[in-house]
Amino acid sequence: MPQLNPNPWFFMMLTTWVIFSLILQPKLLPLTSTNRPSNKTQTPNKTIPWPWPWT
């Protein structure tokens, strides 16, 4: 059965993981988020009731 022969696909899988682990991952990890979390406490917004004309 050809599915049990690891020769054709194992080298490609190994190469892909090496490229990801050694090249791409260190380049992606230092990227910072554009929205940094703030330390401010958020105050709840005060809502104004809607003046319904039929009440």
PDB file of N, CA and C in Angstrom:
ATOM      1  N   MET A   1       0.843  -1.183   0.000  1.00  0.00           N
ATOM      2  CA  MET A   1       0.000   0.000   0.000  1.00  0.00           C
ATOM      3  C   MET A   1       0.893   1.253   0.000  1.00  0.00           C
ATOM      4  N   PRO A   2       0.624   2.186  -0.850  1.00  0.00           N
ATOM      5  CA  PRO A   2       1.497   3.363  -0.929  1.00  0.00           C
ATOM      6  C   PRO A   2       1.370   4.296   0.274  1.00  0.00           C
ATOM      7  N   GLN A   3       0.259   4.223   1.024  1.00  0.00           N
ATOM      8  CA  GLN A   3       0.096   5.098   2.166  1.00  0.00           C
ATOM      9  C   GLN A   3       1.073   4.760   3.293  1.00  0.00           C
ATOM     10  N   LEU A   4       1.534   3.527   3.334  1.00  0.00           N
ATOM     11  CA  LEU A   4       2.421   3.103   4.409  1.00  0.00           C
ATOM     12  C   LEU A   4       3.889   3.386   4.112  1.00  0.00           C
ATOM     13  N   ASN A   5       4.182   3.805   2.933  1.00  0.00           N
ATOM     14  CA  ASN A   5       5.558   4.112   2.577  1.00  0.00           C
ATOM     15  C   ASN A   5       5.832   5.580   2.919  1.00  0.00           C
ATOM     16  N   PRO A   6       6.661   5.854   3.950  1.00  0.00           N
ATOM     17  CA  PRO A   6       6.892   7.240   4.350  1.00  0.00           C
ATOM     18  C   PRO A   6       7.921   7.974   3.498  1.00  0.00           C
ATOM     19  N   ASN A   7       8.528   7.286   2.574  1.00  0.00           N
ATOM     20  CA  ASN A   7       9.596   7.899   1.800  1.00  0.00           C
ATOM     21  C   ASN A   7       9.169   9.136   1.019  1.00  0.00           C
ATOM     22  N   PRO A   8       8.078   9.175   0.302  1.00  0.00           N
ATOM     23  CA  PRO A   8       7.794  10.370  -0.506  1.00  0.00           C
ATOM     24  C   PRO A   8       7.366  11.598   0.292  1.00  0.00           C
ATOM     25  N   TRP A   9       6.698  11.436   1.405  1.00  0.00           N
ATOM     26  CA  TRP A   9       6.147  12.604   2.089  1.00  0.00           C
ATOM     27  C   TRP A   9       6.854  12.964   3.383  1.00  0.00           C
ATOM     28  N   PHE A  10       7.626  12.059   3.974  1.00  0.00           N
ATOM     29  CA  PHE A  10       8.255  12.346   5.259  1.00  0.00           C
ATOM     30  C   PHE A  10       9.304  13.451   5.136  1.00  0.00           C
ATOM     31  N   PHE A  11      10.068  13.447   4.072  1.00  0.00           N
ATOM     32  CA  PHE A  11      11.089  14.483   3.886  1.00  0.00           C
ATOM     33  C   PHE A  11      10.440  15.860   3.701  1.00  0.00           C
ATOM     34  N   MET A  12       9.345  15.921   2.992  1.00  0.00           N
ATOM     35  CA  MET A  12       8.654  17.199   2.811  1.00  0.00           C
ATOM     36  C   MET A  12       8.069  17.708   4.124  1.00  0.00           C
ATOM     37  N   MET A  13       7.507  16.818   4.906  1.00  0.00           N
ATOM     38  CA  MET A  13       6.952  17.219   6.191  1.00  0.00           C
ATOM     39  C   MET A  13       8.066  17.711   7.124  1.00  0.00           C
ATOM     40  N   LEU A  14       9.155  16.994   7.160  1.00  0.00           N
ATOM     41  CA  LEU A  14      10.273  17.382   8.005  1.00  0.00           C
ATOM     42  C   LEU A  14      10.856  18.718   7.560  1.00  0.00           C
ATOM     43  N   THR A  15      10.994  18.920   6.272  1.00  0.00           N
ATOM     44  CA  THR A  15      11.520  20.177   5.749  1.00  0.00           C
ATOM     45  C   THR A  15      10.587  21.342   6.075  1.00  0.00           C
ATOM     46  N   THR A  16       9.310  21.121   5.960  1.00  0.00           N
ATOM     47  CA  THR A  16       8.345  22.169   6.266  1.00  0.00           C
ATOM     48  C   THR A  16       8.415  22.569   7.732  1.00  0.00           C
ATOM     49  N   TRP A  17       8.506  21.608   8.632  1.00  0.00           N
ATOM     50  CA  TRP A  17       8.584  21.924  10.048  1.00  0.00           C
ATOM     51  C   TRP A  17       9.892  22.610  10.409  1.00  0.00           C
ATOM     52  N   VAL A  18      10.963  22.238   9.772  1.00  0.00           N
ATOM     53  CA  VAL A  18      12.246  22.902  10.045  1.00  0.00           C
ATOM     54  C   VAL A  18      12.186  24.350   9.576  1.00  0.00           C
ATOM     55  N   ILE A  19      11.631  24.578   8.407  1.00  0.00           N
ATOM     56  CA  ILE A  19      11.507  25.945   7.903  1.00  0.00           C
ATOM     57  C   ILE A  19      10.613  26.767   8.826  1.00  0.00           C
ATOM     58  N   PHE A  20       9.522  26.203   9.237  1.00  0.00           N
ATOM     59  CA  PHE A  20       8.625  26.932  10.133  1.00  0.00           C
ATOM     60  C   PHE A  20       9.283  27.213  11.474  1.00  0.00           C
ATOM     61  N   SER A  21       9.944  26.220  12.051  1.00  0.00           N
ATOM     62  CA  SER A  21      10.501  26.372  13.393  1.00  0.00           C
ATOM     63  C   SER A  21      11.721  27.280  13.431  1.00  0.00           C
ATOM     64  N   LEU A  22      12.544  27.225  12.419  1.00  0.00           N
ATOM     65  CA  LEU A  22      13.792  27.980  12.461  1.00  0.00           C
ATOM     66  C   LEU A  22      13.740  29.331  11.760  1.00  0.00           C
ATOM     67  N   ILE A  23      12.867  29.484  10.796  1.00  0.00           N
ATOM     68  CA  ILE A  23      12.873  30.719  10.011  1.00  0.00           C
ATOM     69  C   ILE A  23      11.623  31.551  10.279  1.00  0.00           C
ATOM     70  N   LEU A  24      10.462  30.970  10.102  1.00  0.00           N
ATOM     71  CA  LEU A  24       9.234  31.759  10.192  1.00  0.00           C
ATOM     72  C   LEU A  24       8.822  32.089  11.622  1.00  0.00           C
ATOM     73  N   GLN A  25       8.941  31.159  12.506  1.00  0.00           N
ATOM     74  CA  GLN A  25       8.479  31.390  13.869  1.00  0.00           C
ATOM     75  C   GLN A  25       9.251  32.505  14.578  1.00  0.00           C
ATOM     76  N   PRO A  26      10.574  32.574  14.516  1.00  0.00           N
ATOM     77  CA  PRO A  26      11.260  33.695  15.160  1.00  0.00           C
ATOM     78  C   PRO A  26      10.924  35.054  14.537  1.00  0.00           C
ATOM     79  N   LYS A  27      10.538  35.069  13.278  1.00  0.00           N
ATOM     80  CA  LYS A  27      10.158  36.333  12.657  1.00  0.00           C
ATOM     81  C   LYS A  27       8.752  36.758  13.060  1.00  0.00           C
ATOM     82  N   LEU A  28       7.882  35.801  13.331  1.00  0.00           N
ATOM     83  CA  LEU A  28       6.511  36.133  13.694  1.00  0.00           C
ATOM     84  C   LEU A  28       6.335  36.450  15.181  1.00  0.00           C
ATOM     85  N   LEU A  29       7.132  35.859  16.033  1.00  0.00           N
ATOM     86  CA  LEU A  29       6.951  36.049  17.463  1.00  0.00           C
ATOM     87  C   LEU A  29       7.223  37.472  17.953  1.00  0.00           C
ATOM     88  N   PRO A  30       8.203  38.186  17.443  1.00  0.00           N
ATOM     89  CA  PRO A  30       8.433  39.537  17.991  1.00  0.00           C
ATOM     90  C   PRO A  30       7.449  40.599  17.509  1.00  0.00           C
ATOM     91  N   LEU A  31       6.575  40.260  16.597  1.00  0.00           N
ATOM     92  CA  LEU A  31       5.615  41.247  16.142  1.00  0.00           C
ATOM     93  C   LEU A  31       4.681  41.609  17.286  1.00  0.00           C
ATOM     94  N   THR A  32       4.466  42.893  17.445  1.00  0.00           N
ATOM     95  CA  THR A  32       3.621  43.337  18.551  1.00  0.00           C
ATOM     96  C   THR A  32       2.231  43.665  18.037  1.00  0.00           C
ATOM     97  N   SER A  33       1.322  43.601  18.922  1.00  0.00           N
ATOM     98  CA  SER A  33      -0.052  43.920  18.580  1.00  0.00           C
ATOM     99  C   SER A  33      -0.216  45.435  18.498  1.00  0.00           C
ATOM    100  N   THR A  34      -1.095  45.907  17.628  1.00  0.00           N
ATOM    101  CA  THR A  34      -1.300  47.349  17.509  1.00  0.00           C
ATOM    102  C   THR A  34      -2.195  47.885  18.614  1.00  0.00           C
ATOM    103  N   ASN A  35      -2.994  47.039  19.213  1.00  0.00           N
ATOM    104  CA  ASN A  35      -3.855  47.446  20.318  1.00  0.00           C
ATOM    105  C   ASN A  35      -3.334  46.846  21.608  1.00  0.00           C
ATOM    106  N   ARG A  36      -2.513  47.597  22.293  1.00  0.00           N
ATOM    107  CA  ARG A  36      -2.003  47.094  23.564  1.00  0.00           C
ATOM    108  C   ARG A  36      -3.051  47.277  24.650  1.00  0.00           C
ATOM    109  N   PRO A  37      -3.149  46.350  25.575  1.00  0.00           N
ATOM    110  CA  PRO A  37      -4.135  46.502  26.642  1.00  0.00           C
ATOM    111  C   PRO A  37      -3.752  47.652  27.570  1.00  0.00           C
ATOM    112  N   SER A  38      -4.723  48.390  28.003  1.00  0.00           N
ATOM    113  CA  SER A  38      -4.454  49.521  28.880  1.00  0.00           C
ATOM    114  C   SER A  38      -4.692  49.125  30.329  1.00  0.00           C
ATOM    115  N   ASN A  39      -4.049  49.856  31.231  1.00  0.00           N
ATOM    116  CA  ASN A  39      -4.201  49.583  32.660  1.00  0.00           C
ATOM    117  C   ASN A  39      -5.303  50.420  33.280  1.00  0.00           C
ATOM    118  N   LYS A  40      -5.962  51.243  32.500  1.00  0.00           N
ATOM    119  CA  LYS A  40      -7.016  52.096  33.038  1.00  0.00           C
ATOM    120  C   LYS A  40      -8.260  51.265  33.357  1.00  0.00           C
ATOM    121  N   THR A  41      -8.928  51.666  34.396  1.00  0.00           N
ATOM    122  CA  THR A  41     -10.199  51.008  34.695  1.00  0.00           C
ATOM    123  C   THR A  41     -11.277  51.674  33.857  1.00  0.00           C
ATOM    124  N   GLN A  42     -12.114  50.897  33.310  1.00  0.00           N
ATOM    125  CA  GLN A  42     -13.158  51.434  32.447  1.00  0.00           C
ATOM    126  C   GLN A  42     -14.369  51.815  33.279  1.00  0.00           C
ATOM    127  N   THR A  43     -14.857  53.021  33.025  1.00  0.00           N
ATOM    128  CA  THR A  43     -16.054  53.464  33.717  1.00  0.00           C
ATOM    129  C   THR A  43     -17.266  53.069  32.885  1.00  0.00           C
ATOM    130  N   PRO A  44     -18.314  52.630  33.524  1.00  0.00           N
ATOM    131  CA  PRO A  44     -19.496  52.240  32.743  1.00  0.00           C
ATOM    132  C   PRO A  44     -20.149  53.475  32.118  1.00  0.00           C
ATOM    133  N   ASN A  45     -20.617  53.328  30.921  1.00  0.00           N
ATOM    134  CA  ASN A  45     -21.287  54.425  30.229  1.00  0.00           C
ATOM    135  C   ASN A  45     -22.683  54.623  30.814  1.00  0.00           C
ATOM    136  N   LYS A  46     -23.019  55.892  30.991  1.00  0.00           N
ATOM    137  CA  LYS A  46     -24.364  56.192  31.490  1.00  0.00           C
ATOM    138  C   LYS A  46     -25.307  56.267  30.305  1.00  0.00           C
ATOM    139  N   THR A  47     -26.371  55.551  30.400  1.00  0.00           N
ATOM    140  CA  THR A  47     -27.333  55.537  29.310  1.00  0.00           C
ATOM    141  C   THR A  47     -28.475  56.495  29.619  1.00  0.00           C
ATOM    142  N   ILE A  48     -28.941  57.122  28.589  1.00  0.00           N
ATOM    143  CA  ILE A  48     -30.057  58.055  28.716  1.00  0.00           C
ATOM    144  C   ILE A  48     -31.303  57.333  28.204  1.00  0.00           C
ATOM    145  N   PRO A  49     -32.379  57.301  28.984  1.00  0.00           N
ATOM    146  CA  PRO A  49     -33.576  56.608  28.508  1.00  0.00           C
ATOM    147  C   PRO A  49     -34.175  57.316  27.294  1.00  0.00           C
ATOM    148  N   TRP A  50     -34.720  56.537  26.431  1.00  0.00           N
ATOM    149  CA  TRP A  50     -35.315  57.067  25.228  1.00  0.00           C
ATOM    150  C   TRP A  50     -36.713  57.604  25.532  1.00  0.00           C
ATOM    151  N   PRO A  51     -36.985  58.834  25.120  1.00  0.00           N
ATOM    152  CA  PRO A  51     -38.332  59.382  25.389  1.00  0.00           C
ATOM    153  C   PRO A  51     -39.350  58.883  24.365  1.00  0.00           C
ATOM    154  N   TRP A  52     -40.037  57.830  24.707  1.00  0.00           N
ATOM    155  CA  TRP A  52     -41.031  57.274  23.788  1.00  0.00           C
ATOM    156  C   TRP A  52     -42.255  58.192  23.749  1.00  0.00           C
ATOM    157  N   PRO A  53     -42.752  58.503  22.578  1.00  0.00           N
ATOM    158  CA  PRO A  53     -43.875  59.448  22.503  1.00  0.00           C
ATOM    159  C   PRO A  53     -45.206  58.869  22.988  1.00  0.00           C
ATOM    160  N   TRP A  54     -45.364  57.574  23.042  1.00  0.00           N
ATOM    161  CA  TRP A  54     -46.662  57.016  23.430  1.00  0.00           C
ATOM    162  C   TRP A  54     -46.731  56.602  24.882  1.00  0.00           C
ATOM    163  N   THR A  55     -45.685  56.919  25.672  1.00  0.00           N
ATOM    164  CA  THR A  55     -45.755  56.548  27.091  1.00  0.00           C
ATOM    165  C   THR A  55     -46.085  57.731  27.965  1.00  0.00           C
TER     166      THR A  55
END
